[in-house]
C-alpha atoms as a PDB file:
ATOM      1  CA  MET A   1     -89.835  58.450 -73.957  1.00  0.00           C
ATOM      2  CA  SER A   2     -89.841  55.116 -72.113  1.00  0.00           C
ATOM      3  CA  ASN A   3     -87.295  53.818 -74.613  1.00  0.00           C
ATOM      4  CA  LYS A   4     -84.865  56.597 -73.620  1.00  0.00           C
ATOM      5  CA  LEU A   5     -85.615  55.950 -69.965  1.00  0.00           C
ATOM      6  CA  VAL A   6     -84.712  52.268 -70.240  1.00  0.00           C
ATOM      7  CA  LYS A   7     -81.560  53.097 -72.185  1.00  0.00           C
ATOM      8  CA  GLY A   8     -80.585  55.718 -69.613  1.00  0.00           C
ATOM      9  CA  ILE A   9     -81.097  53.330 -66.732  1.00  0.00           C
ATOM     10  CA  ALA A  10     -79.095  50.620 -68.501  1.00  0.00           C
ATOM     11  CA  LEU A  11     -76.240  53.013 -69.292  1.00  0.00           C
ATOM     12  CA  GLY A  12     -76.242  54.278 -65.699  1.00  0.00           C
ATOM     13  CA  ALA A  13     -76.058  50.740 -64.375  1.00  0.00           C
ATOM     14  CA  VAL A  14     -73.175  49.879 -66.707  1.00  0.00           C
ATOM     15  CA  ALA A  15     -71.321  53.073 -65.790  1.00  0.00           C
ATOM     16  CA  GLY A  16     -71.866  52.428 -62.057  1.00  0.00           C
ATOM     17  CA  ALA A  17     -70.643  48.853 -62.371  1.00  0.00           C
ATOM     18  CA  ALA A  18     -67.572  49.970 -64.340  1.00  0.00           C
ATOM     19  CA  LEU A  19     -66.700  52.628 -61.770  1.00  0.00           C
ATOM     20  CA  SER A  20     -67.119  50.215 -58.863  1.00  0.00           C
ATOM     21  CA  MET A  21     -64.741  47.775 -60.576  1.00  0.00           C
ATOM     22  CA  LEU A  22     -61.923  50.307 -60.204  1.00  0.00           C
ATOM     23  CA  ASP A  23     -61.700  49.227 -56.548  1.00  0.00           C
ATOM     24  CA  ARG A  24     -59.436  46.185 -56.159  1.00  0.00           C
ATOM     25  CA  SER A  25     -61.381  44.508 -53.320  1.00  0.00           C
ATOM     26  CA  THR A  26     -64.637  44.913 -55.258  1.00  0.00           C
ATOM     27  CA  ARG A  27     -63.055  43.279 -58.323  1.00  0.00           C
ATOM     28  CA  GLU A  28     -61.716  40.372 -56.247  1.00  0.00           C
ATOM     29  CA  THR A  29     -65.016  39.815 -54.448  1.00  0.00           C
ATOM     30  CA  THR A  30     -66.978  40.006 -57.694  1.00  0.00           C
ATOM     31  CA  THR A  31     -64.588  37.578 -59.397  1.00  0.00           C
ATOM     32  CA  LYS A  32     -64.959  35.068 -56.539  1.00  0.00           C
ATOM     33  CA  LYS A  33     -68.741  35.323 -56.581  1.00  0.00           C
ATOM     34  CA  VAL A  34     -68.913  34.907 -60.358  1.00  0.00           C
ATOM     35  CA  LYS A  35     -66.652  31.833 -60.171  1.00  0.00           C
ATOM     36  CA  HIS A  36     -68.847  30.278 -57.453  1.00  0.00           C
ATOM     37  CA  PHE A  37     -71.933  31.080 -59.493  1.00  0.00           C
ATOM     38  CA  VAL A  38     -70.459  29.406 -62.598  1.00  0.00           C
ATOM     39  CA  ILE A  39     -69.530  26.335 -60.546  1.00  0.00           C
ATOM     40  CA  ASP A  40     -73.066  26.146 -59.114  1.00  0.00           C
ATOM     41  CA  VAL A  41     -74.625  26.502 -62.573  1.00  0.00           C
ATOM     42  CA  GLN A  42     -72.408  23.742 -63.948  1.00  0.00           C
ATOM     43  CA  TYR A  43     -73.237  21.476 -60.984  1.00  0.00           C
ATOM     44  CA  PHE A  44     -76.969  21.959 -61.355  1.00  0.00           C
ATOM     45  CA  ALA A  45     -76.726  21.527 -65.125  1.00  0.00           C
ATOM     46  CA  TYR A  46     -75.356  18.014 -64.514  1.00  0.00           C
ATOM     47  CA  ASN A  47     -77.631  17.329 -61.497  1.00  0.00           C
ATOM     48  CA  PRO A  48     -81.018  18.878 -62.317  1.00  0.00           C
ATOM     49  CA  GLU A  49     -82.826  16.564 -59.863  1.00  0.00           C
ATOM     50  CA  GLU A  50     -81.172  18.414 -56.986  1.00  0.00           C
ATOM     51  CA  ILE A  51     -82.845  21.643 -58.063  1.00  0.00           C
ATOM     52  CA  PHE A  52     -86.222  19.925 -57.853  1.00  0.00           C
ATOM     53  CA  ASP A  53     -85.330  18.414 -54.468  1.00  0.00           C
ATOM     54  CA  LYS A  54     -84.332  21.845 -53.134  1.00  0.00           C
ATOM     55  CA  ILE A  55     -87.492  23.416 -54.530  1.00  0.00           C
ATOM     56  CA  GLN A  56     -89.662  20.689 -52.968  1.00  0.00           C
ATOM     57  CA  SER A  57     -87.848  21.013 -49.643  1.00  0.00           C
ATOM     58  CA  THR A  58     -88.234  24.778 -49.621  1.00  0.00           C
ATOM     59  CA  THR A  59     -91.889  24.489 -50.619  1.00  0.00           C
ATOM     60  CA  SER A  60     -92.660  21.983 -47.877  1.00  0.00           C
ATOM     61  CA  ARG A  61     -90.907  24.165 -45.277  1.00  0.00           C
ATOM     62  CA  ALA A  62     -92.894  27.181 -46.449  1.00  0.00           C
ATOM     63  CA  GLN A  63     -96.152  25.211 -46.254  1.00  0.00           C
ATOM     64  CA  SER A  64     -95.257  23.993 -42.760  1.00  0.00           C
ATOM     65  CA  MET A  65     -94.477  27.530 -41.634  1.00  0.00           C
ATOM     66  CA  TYR A  66     -97.765  28.736 -43.130  1.00  0.00           C
ATOM     67  CA  LYS A  67     -99.754  26.052 -41.306  1.00  0.00           C
ATOM     68  CA  THR A  68     -97.990  26.870 -38.037  1.00  0.00           C
ATOM     69  CA  PHE A  69     -98.633  30.568 -38.547  1.00  0.00           C
ATOM     70  CA  MET A  70    -102.323  29.986 -39.258  1.00  0.00           C
ATOM     71  CA  HIS A  71    -102.685  27.795 -36.161  1.00  0.00           C
ATOM     72  CA  ASP A  72    -100.856  30.343 -33.992  1.00  0.00           C
ATOM     73  CA  LYS A  73    -102.885  33.179 -35.489  1.00  0.00           C
ATOM     74  CA  ASP A  74    -106.132  31.475 -34.535  1.00  0.00           C
ATOM     75  CA  PHE A  75    -104.841  30.839 -31.012  1.00  0.00           C
ATOM     76  CA  TYR A  76    -103.731  34.449 -30.519  1.00  0.00           C
ATOM     77  CA  LEU A  77    -106.974  35.855 -31.953  1.00  0.00           C
ATOM     78  CA  GLU A  78    -108.907  33.661 -29.524  1.00  0.00           C
ATOM     79  CA  LYS A  79    -106.801  34.950 -26.601  1.00  0.00           C
ATOM     80  CA  ILE A  80    -107.303  38.555 -27.726  1.00  0.00           C
ATOM     81  CA  ASN A  81    -111.065  38.025 -27.786  1.00  0.00           C
ATOM     82  CA  GLU A  82    -110.936  36.517 -24.286  1.00  0.00           C
ATOM     83  CA  ILE A  83    -108.992  39.534 -23.012  1.00  0.00           C
ATOM     84  CA  GLN A  84    -111.454  41.915 -24.632  1.00  0.00           C
ATOM     85  CA  GLU A  85    -114.324  40.099 -22.921  1.00  0.00           C
ATOM     86  CA  LEU A  86    -112.554  40.068 -19.538  1.00  0.00           C
ATOM     87  CA  THR A  87    -111.449  43.702 -19.578  1.00  0.00           C
ATOM     88  CA  PRO A  88    -114.824  45.214 -18.551  1.00  0.00           C
ATOM     89  CA  GLN A  89    -115.151  42.634 -15.760  1.00  0.00           C
ATOM     90  CA  VAL A  90    -111.667  43.398 -14.464  1.00  0.00           C
ATOM     91  CA  LYS A  91    -112.416  47.111 -14.645  1.00  0.00           C
ATOM     92  CA  ASP A  92    -115.570  46.630 -12.557  1.00  0.00           C
ATOM     93  CA  ILE A  93    -113.667  44.573  -9.968  1.00  0.00           C
ATOM     94  CA  VAL A  94    -110.976  47.260  -9.682  1.00  0.00           C
ATOM     95  CA  ILE A  95    -113.589  49.999  -9.251  1.00  0.00           C
ATOM     96  CA  GLU A  96    -115.422  47.983  -6.577  1.00  0.00           C
ATOM     97  CA  THR A  97    -112.154  47.293  -4.743  1.00  0.00           C
ATOM     98  CA  LYS A  98    -111.259  50.966  -4.856  1.00  0.00           C
ATOM     99  CA  GLU A  99    -114.662  51.902  -3.446  1.00  0.00           C
ATOM    100  CA  VAL A 100    -114.353  49.347  -0.624  1.00  0.00           C
ATOM    101  CA  PHE A 101    -110.900  50.613   0.308  1.00  0.00           C
ATOM    102  CA  ALA A 102    -112.030  54.228   0.115  1.00  0.00           C
ATOM    103  CA  ALA A 103    -115.007  53.426   2.379  1.00  0.00           C
ATOM    104  CA  GLY A 104    -112.679  51.636   4.808  1.00  0.00           C
ATOM    105  CA  ILE A 105    -110.312  54.601   4.938  1.00  0.00           C
ATOM    106  CA  GLU A 106    -113.198  56.993   5.549  1.00  0.00           C
ATOM    107  CA  LYS A 107    -114.470  54.739   8.331  1.00  0.00           C
ATOM    108  CA  GLU A 108    -110.988  54.688   9.888  1.00  0.00           C
ATOM    109  CA  LYS A 109    -110.734  58.473   9.754  1.00  0.00           C
ATOM    110  CA  ASN A 110    -114.090  58.899  11.493  1.00  0.00           C
ATOM    111  CA  ALA A 111    -113.496  56.187  14.101  1.00  0.00           C
ATOM    112  CA  PRO A 112    -112.171  57.085  17.558  1.00  0.00           C
ATOM    113  CA  ALA A 113    -108.448  56.603  18.112  1.00  0.00           C
ATOM    114  CA  SER A 114    -108.937  53.636  20.452  1.00  0.00           C
ATOM    115  CA  GLU A 115    -110.616  51.567  17.732  1.00  0.00           C
ATOM    116  CA  SER A 116    -107.760  51.743  15.278  1.00  0.00           C
ATOM    117  CA  VAL A 117    -107.117  48.006  15.665  1.00  0.00           C
ATOM    118  CA  ILE A 118    -108.764  45.830  13.065  1.00  0.00           C
ATOM    119  CA  HIS A 119    -110.630  42.867  14.506  1.00  0.00           C
ATOM    120  CA  LEU A 120    -111.095  39.782  12.412  1.00  0.00           C
END
């Protein structure tokens, strides 16, 4: 069964590619890309050291990005932990402030009208 599946997929891909080649712009674009690919393959066939240089450059950039990511990750995790530790404290401060203001408003409501000025 898998043999028929692979054949069916291959035939479908070939049929799809053939149908898409009926479009002129697709043919022209594909031709240009194939020509550039052939030129690149020929260049790297004569200059194999450049492939290794590109691979090393890409590898070193990836390693640098990984190190930066790991450093940043540690920094952000540390900040998240600090926020989690501070959140209950901030919540308590907000509740206390609310209570103080509410008590002050109640005091103002119960005070006579002549004492509405706040003395510092």
